[in-house]
Amino acid sequence: TVFLQMNSLKPEDTGMYYCAAANG
């Protein structure tokens, strides 16, 4: 699992969040 800890959120952070993976 990969996490995204989001603190001090702003209205500009609004949106659909997607996880992605690729070759190293």
PDB file of all heavy atoms in Angstrom:
ATOM      1  N   THR A   1       0.812  -1.208   0.000  1.00  0.00           N
ATOM      2  CA  THR A   1       0.000   0.000   0.000  1.00  0.00           C
ATOM      3  C   THR A   1       0.850   1.266   0.000  1.00  0.00           C
ATOM      4  O   THR A   1       1.893   1.325   0.656  1.00  0.00           O
ATOM      5  CB  THR A   1      -0.924   0.027   1.230  1.00  0.00           C
ATOM      6  OG1 THR A   1      -1.768  -1.130   1.218  1.00  0.00           O
ATOM      7  CG2 THR A   1      -1.794   1.269   1.242  1.00  0.00           C
ATOM      8  N   VAL A   2       0.399   2.258  -0.739  1.00  0.00           N
ATOM      9  CA  VAL A   2       1.001   3.584  -0.750  1.00  0.00           C
ATOM     10  C   VAL A   2      -0.005   4.547  -0.143  1.00  0.00           C
ATOM     11  O   VAL A   2      -1.200   4.468  -0.428  1.00  0.00           O
ATOM     12  CB  VAL A   2       1.381   4.023  -2.176  1.00  0.00           C
ATOM     13  CG1 VAL A   2       1.792   5.495  -2.190  1.00  0.00           C
ATOM     14  CG2 VAL A   2       2.525   3.168  -2.699  1.00  0.00           C
ATOM     15  N   PHE A   3       0.472   5.453   0.692  1.00  0.00           N
ATOM     16  CA  PHE A   3      -0.391   6.402   1.377  1.00  0.00           C
ATOM     17  C   PHE A   3      -0.101   7.832   0.954  1.00  0.00           C
ATOM     18  O   PHE A   3       0.993   8.159   0.494  1.00  0.00           O
ATOM     19  CB  PHE A   3      -0.201   6.310   2.892  1.00  0.00           C
ATOM     20  CG  PHE A   3      -0.409   4.945   3.458  1.00  0.00           C
ATOM     21  CD1 PHE A   3       0.664   4.095   3.681  1.00  0.00           C
ATOM     22  CD2 PHE A   3      -1.680   4.503   3.785  1.00  0.00           C
ATOM     23  CE1 PHE A   3       0.481   2.837   4.211  1.00  0.00           C
ATOM     24  CE2 PHE A   3      -1.882   3.241   4.320  1.00  0.00           C
ATOM     25  CZ  PHE A   3      -0.802   2.404   4.531  1.00  0.00           C
ATOM     26  N   LEU A   4      -1.085   8.684   1.129  1.00  0.00           N
ATOM     27  CA  LEU A   4      -0.896  10.116   0.947  1.00  0.00           C
ATOM     28  C   LEU A   4      -1.515  10.794   2.158  1.00  0.00           C
ATOM     29  O   LEU A   4      -2.735  10.881   2.276  1.00  0.00           O
ATOM     30  CB  LEU A   4      -1.546  10.631  -0.334  1.00  0.00           C
ATOM     31  CG  LEU A   4      -1.299  12.124  -0.623  1.00  0.00           C
ATOM     32  CD1 LEU A   4       0.184  12.360  -0.917  1.00  0.00           C
ATOM     33  CD2 LEU A   4      -2.139  12.607  -1.796  1.00  0.00           C
ATOM     34  N   GLN A   5      -0.658  11.239   3.071  1.00  0.00           N
ATOM     35  CA  GLN A   5      -1.118  11.953   4.252  1.00  0.00           C
ATOM     36  C   GLN A   5      -1.272  13.415   3.876  1.00  0.00           C
ATOM     37  O   GLN A   5      -0.310  14.063   3.462  1.00  0.00           O
ATOM     38  CB  GLN A   5      -0.117  11.796   5.399  1.00  0.00           C
ATOM     39  CG  GLN A   5      -0.461  12.596   6.652  1.00  0.00           C
ATOM     40  CD  GLN A   5      -1.768  12.168   7.279  1.00  0.00           C
ATOM     41  OE1 GLN A   5      -2.669  12.984   7.510  1.00  0.00           O
ATOM     42  NE2 GLN A   5      -1.911  10.881   7.541  1.00  0.00           N
ATOM     43  N   MET A   6      -2.482  13.929   4.010  1.00  0.00           N
ATOM     44  CA  MET A   6      -2.797  15.288   3.609  1.00  0.00           C
ATOM     45  C   MET A   6      -3.119  16.131   4.839  1.00  0.00           C
ATOM     46  O   MET A   6      -4.100  15.884   5.531  1.00  0.00           O
ATOM     47  CB  MET A   6      -3.982  15.294   2.641  1.00  0.00           C
ATOM     48  CG  MET A   6      -3.813  14.342   1.463  1.00  0.00           C
ATOM     49  SD  MET A   6      -5.309  14.160   0.465  1.00  0.00           S
ATOM     50  CE  MET A   6      -5.383  15.766  -0.327  1.00  0.00           C
ATOM     51  N   ASN A   7      -2.286  17.110   5.114  1.00  0.00           N
ATOM     52  CA  ASN A   7      -2.470  18.014   6.232  1.00  0.00           C
ATOM     53  C   ASN A   7      -2.621  19.447   5.737  1.00  0.00           C
ATOM     54  O   ASN A   7      -2.265  19.766   4.614  1.00  0.00           O
ATOM     55  CB  ASN A   7      -1.285  17.931   7.202  1.00  0.00           C
ATOM     56  CG  ASN A   7      -1.086  16.557   7.796  1.00  0.00           C
ATOM     57  OD1 ASN A   7       0.025  16.012   7.768  1.00  0.00           O
ATOM     58  ND2 ASN A   7      -2.151  15.992   8.336  1.00  0.00           N
ATOM     59  N   SER A   8      -3.137  20.303   6.614  1.00  0.00           N
ATOM     60  CA  SER A   8      -3.329  21.719   6.280  1.00  0.00           C
ATOM     61  C   SER A   8      -4.015  21.877   4.928  1.00  0.00           C
ATOM     62  O   SER A   8      -3.576  22.639   4.071  1.00  0.00           O
ATOM     63  CB  SER A   8      -1.982  22.446   6.286  1.00  0.00           C
ATOM     64  OG  SER A   8      -1.344  22.342   7.541  1.00  0.00           O
ATOM     65  N   LEU A   9      -5.091  21.159   4.754  1.00  0.00           N
ATOM     66  CA  LEU A   9      -5.799  21.145   3.475  1.00  0.00           C
ATOM     67  C   LEU A   9      -6.319  22.516   3.077  1.00  0.00           C
ATOM     68  O   LEU A   9      -6.731  23.305   3.921  1.00  0.00           O
ATOM     69  CB  LEU A   9      -6.954  20.153   3.529  1.00  0.00           C
ATOM     70  CG  LEU A   9      -6.549  18.677   3.448  1.00  0.00           C
ATOM     71  CD1 LEU A   9      -7.718  17.786   3.834  1.00  0.00           C
ATOM     72  CD2 LEU A   9      -6.065  18.336   2.041  1.00  0.00           C
ATOM     73  N   LYS A  10      -6.295  22.770   1.785  1.00  0.00           N
ATOM     74  CA  LYS A  10      -6.782  24.004   1.206  1.00  0.00           C
ATOM     75  C   LYS A  10      -7.865  23.693   0.187  1.00  0.00           C
ATOM     76  O   LYS A  10      -7.888  22.604  -0.376  1.00  0.00           O
ATOM     77  CB  LYS A  10      -5.643  24.760   0.512  1.00  0.00           C
ATOM     78  CG  LYS A  10      -4.477  25.120   1.404  1.00  0.00           C
ATOM     79  CD  LYS A  10      -3.379  25.813   0.603  1.00  0.00           C
ATOM     80  CE  LYS A  10      -2.209  26.187   1.485  1.00  0.00           C
ATOM     81  NZ  LYS A  10      -1.137  26.867   0.715  1.00  0.00           N
ATOM     82  N   PRO A  11      -8.764  24.641  -0.080  1.00  0.00           N
ATOM     83  CA  PRO A  11      -9.798  24.416  -1.095  1.00  0.00           C
ATOM     84  C   PRO A  11      -9.205  24.030  -2.452  1.00  0.00           C
ATOM     85  O   PRO A  11      -9.828  23.286  -3.208  1.00  0.00           O
ATOM     86  CB  PRO A  11     -10.515  25.765  -1.169  1.00  0.00           C
ATOM     87  CG  PRO A  11     -10.379  26.313   0.210  1.00  0.00           C
ATOM     88  CD  PRO A  11      -8.981  25.921   0.626  1.00  0.00           C
ATOM     89  N   GLU A  12      -8.012  24.519  -2.750  1.00  0.00           N
ATOM     90  CA  GLU A  12      -7.335  24.200  -4.003  1.00  0.00           C
ATOM     91  C   GLU A  12      -6.948  22.731  -4.111  1.00  0.00           C
ATOM     92  O   GLU A  12      -6.608  22.259  -5.195  1.00  0.00           O
ATOM     93  CB  GLU A  12      -6.074  25.059  -4.175  1.00  0.00           C
ATOM     94  CG  GLU A  12      -6.322  26.554  -4.081  1.00  0.00           C
ATOM     95  CD  GLU A  12      -6.121  27.081  -2.675  1.00  0.00           C
ATOM     96  OE1 GLU A  12      -7.108  27.100  -1.905  1.00  0.00           O
ATOM     97  OE2 GLU A  12      -4.985  27.489  -2.351  1.00  0.00           O
ATOM     98  N   ASP A  13      -6.986  22.003  -3.000  1.00  0.00           N
ATOM     99  CA  ASP A  13      -6.668  20.576  -3.003  1.00  0.00           C
ATOM    100  C   ASP A  13      -7.845  19.734  -3.475  1.00  0.00           C
ATOM    101  O   ASP A  13      -7.708  18.523  -3.663  1.00  0.00           O
ATOM    102  CB  ASP A  13      -6.250  20.110  -1.606  1.00  0.00           C
ATOM    103  CG  ASP A  13      -4.948  20.745  -1.143  1.00  0.00           C
ATOM    104  OD1 ASP A  13      -4.016  20.870  -1.965  1.00  0.00           O
ATOM    105  OD2 ASP A  13      -4.855  21.104   0.047  1.00  0.00           O
ATOM    106  N   THR A  14      -8.980  20.352  -3.660  1.00  0.00           N
ATOM    107  CA  THR A  14     -10.188  19.649  -4.102  1.00  0.00           C
ATOM    108  C   THR A  14      -9.998  19.025  -5.478  1.00  0.00           C
ATOM    109  O   THR A  14      -9.437  19.637  -6.381  1.00  0.00           O
ATOM    110  CB  THR A  14     -11.388  20.606  -4.137  1.00  0.00           C
ATOM    111  OG1 THR A  14     -11.698  21.022  -2.804  1.00  0.00           O
ATOM    112  CG2 THR A  14     -12.616  19.932  -4.738  1.00  0.00           C
ATOM    113  N   GLY A  15     -10.464  17.799  -5.633  1.00  0.00           N
ATOM    114  CA  GLY A  15     -10.377  17.125  -6.913  1.00  0.00           C
ATOM    115  C   GLY A  15     -10.470  15.622  -6.766  1.00  0.00           C
ATOM    116  O   GLY A  15     -10.561  15.090  -5.667  1.00  0.00           O
ATOM    117  N   MET A  16     -10.449  14.938  -7.897  1.00  0.00           N
ATOM    118  CA  MET A  16     -10.418  13.482  -7.900  1.00  0.00           C
ATOM    119  C   MET A  16      -8.957  13.052  -7.818  1.00  0.00           C
ATOM    120  O   MET A  16      -8.138  13.488  -8.627  1.00  0.00           O
ATOM    121  CB  MET A  16     -11.071  12.930  -9.165  1.00  0.00           C
ATOM    122  CG  MET A  16     -11.210  11.414  -9.194  1.00  0.00           C
ATOM    123  SD  MET A  16     -12.440  10.792  -8.010  1.00  0.00           S
ATOM    124  CE  MET A  16     -13.954  11.311  -8.825  1.00  0.00           C
ATOM    125  N   TYR A  17      -8.649  12.216  -6.851  1.00  0.00           N
ATOM    126  CA  TYR A  17      -7.283  11.744  -6.656  1.00  0.00           C
ATOM    127  C   TYR A  17      -7.106  10.334  -7.181  1.00  0.00           C
ATOM    128  O   TYR A  17      -7.889   9.436  -6.865  1.00  0.00           O
ATOM    129  CB  TYR A  17      -6.910  11.800  -5.173  1.00  0.00           C
ATOM    130  CG  TYR A  17      -6.561  13.191  -4.698  1.00  0.00           C
ATOM    131  CD1 TYR A  17      -7.541  14.179  -4.610  1.00  0.00           C
ATOM    132  CD2 TYR A  17      -5.251  13.525  -4.360  1.00  0.00           C
ATOM    133  CE1 TYR A  17      -7.226  15.459  -4.204  1.00  0.00           C
ATOM    134  CE2 TYR A  17      -4.926  14.805  -3.942  1.00  0.00           C
ATOM    135  CZ  TYR A  17      -5.921  15.773  -3.868  1.00  0.00           C
ATOM    136  OH  TYR A  17      -5.598  17.047  -3.454  1.00  0.00           O
ATOM    137  N   TYR A  18      -6.070  10.145  -7.988  1.00  0.00           N
ATOM    138  CA  TYR A  18      -5.789   8.858  -8.604  1.00  0.00           C
ATOM    139  C   TYR A  18      -4.422   8.339  -8.189  1.00  0.00           C
ATOM    140  O   TYR A  18      -3.467   9.099  -8.071  1.00  0.00           O
ATOM    141  CB  TYR A  18      -5.804   8.970 -10.131  1.00  0.00           C
ATOM    142  CG  TYR A  18      -7.114   9.407 -10.724  1.00  0.00           C
ATOM    143  CD1 TYR A  18      -7.386  10.753 -10.949  1.00  0.00           C
ATOM    144  CD2 TYR A  18      -8.082   8.471 -11.082  1.00  0.00           C
ATOM    145  CE1 TYR A  18      -8.580  11.154 -11.505  1.00  0.00           C
ATOM    146  CE2 TYR A  18      -9.283   8.864 -11.637  1.00  0.00           C
ATOM    147  CZ  TYR A  18      -9.522  10.211 -11.849  1.00  0.00           C
ATOM    148  OH  TYR A  18     -10.720  10.610 -12.407  1.00  0.00           O
ATOM    149  N   CYS A  19      -4.339   7.045  -7.994  1.00  0.00           N
ATOM    150  CA  CYS A  19      -3.084   6.370  -7.729  1.00  0.00           C
ATOM    151  C   CYS A  19      -2.582   5.774  -9.035  1.00  0.00           C
ATOM    152  O   CYS A  19      -3.371   5.301  -9.848  1.00  0.00           O
ATOM    153  CB  CYS A  19      -3.291   5.261  -6.691  1.00  0.00           C
ATOM    154  SG  CYS A  19      -1.808   4.310  -6.285  1.00  0.00           S
ATOM    155  N   ALA A  20      -1.275   5.820  -9.262  1.00  0.00           N
ATOM    156  CA  ALA A  20      -0.699   5.292 -10.487  1.00  0.00           C
ATOM    157  C   ALA A  20       0.598   4.553 -10.205  1.00  0.00           C
ATOM    158  O   ALA A  20       1.293   4.840  -9.233  1.00  0.00           O
ATOM    159  CB  ALA A  20      -0.450   6.427 -11.488  1.00  0.00           C
ATOM    160  N   ALA A  21       0.935   3.598 -11.080  1.00  0.00           N
ATOM    161  CA  ALA A  21       2.155   2.814 -10.920  1.00  0.00           C
ATOM    162  C   ALA A  21       2.866   2.651 -12.252  1.00  0.00           C
ATOM    163  O   ALA A  21       2.233   2.592 -13.308  1.00  0.00           O
ATOM    164  CB  ALA A  21       1.828   1.443 -10.331  1.00  0.00           C
ATOM    165  N   ALA A  22       4.191   2.569 -12.194  1.00  0.00           N
ATOM    166  CA  ALA A  22       5.004   2.412 -13.387  1.00  0.00           C
ATOM    167  C   ALA A  22       6.325   1.746 -13.040  1.00  0.00           C
ATOM    168  O   ALA A  22       6.619   1.475 -11.876  1.00  0.00           O
ATOM    169  CB  ALA A  22       5.263   3.770 -14.037  1.00  0.00           C
ATOM    170  N   ASN A  23       7.121   1.488 -14.056  1.00  0.00           N
ATOM    171  CA  ASN A  23       8.459   0.948 -13.855  1.00  0.00           C
ATOM    172  C   ASN A  23       9.282   1.932 -13.022  1.00  0.00           C
ATOM    173  O   ASN A  23       9.088   3.138 -13.100  1.00  0.00           O
ATOM    174  CB  ASN A  23       9.133   0.707 -15.210  1.00  0.00           C
ATOM    175  CG  ASN A  23      10.469  -0.002 -15.091  1.00  0.00           C
ATOM    176  OD1 ASN A  23      11.478   0.614 -14.773  1.00  0.00           O
ATOM    177  ND2 ASN A  23      10.468  -1.301 -15.343  1.00  0.00           N
ATOM    178  N   GLY A  24      10.188   1.410 -12.223  1.00  0.00           N
ATOM    179  CA  GLY A  24      10.994   2.236 -11.350  1.00  0.00           C
ATOM    180  C   GLY A  24      11.814   3.305 -12.044  1.00  0.00           C
ATOM    181  O   GLY A  24      12.158   4.318 -11.435  1.00  0.00           O
TER     182      GLY A  24
END
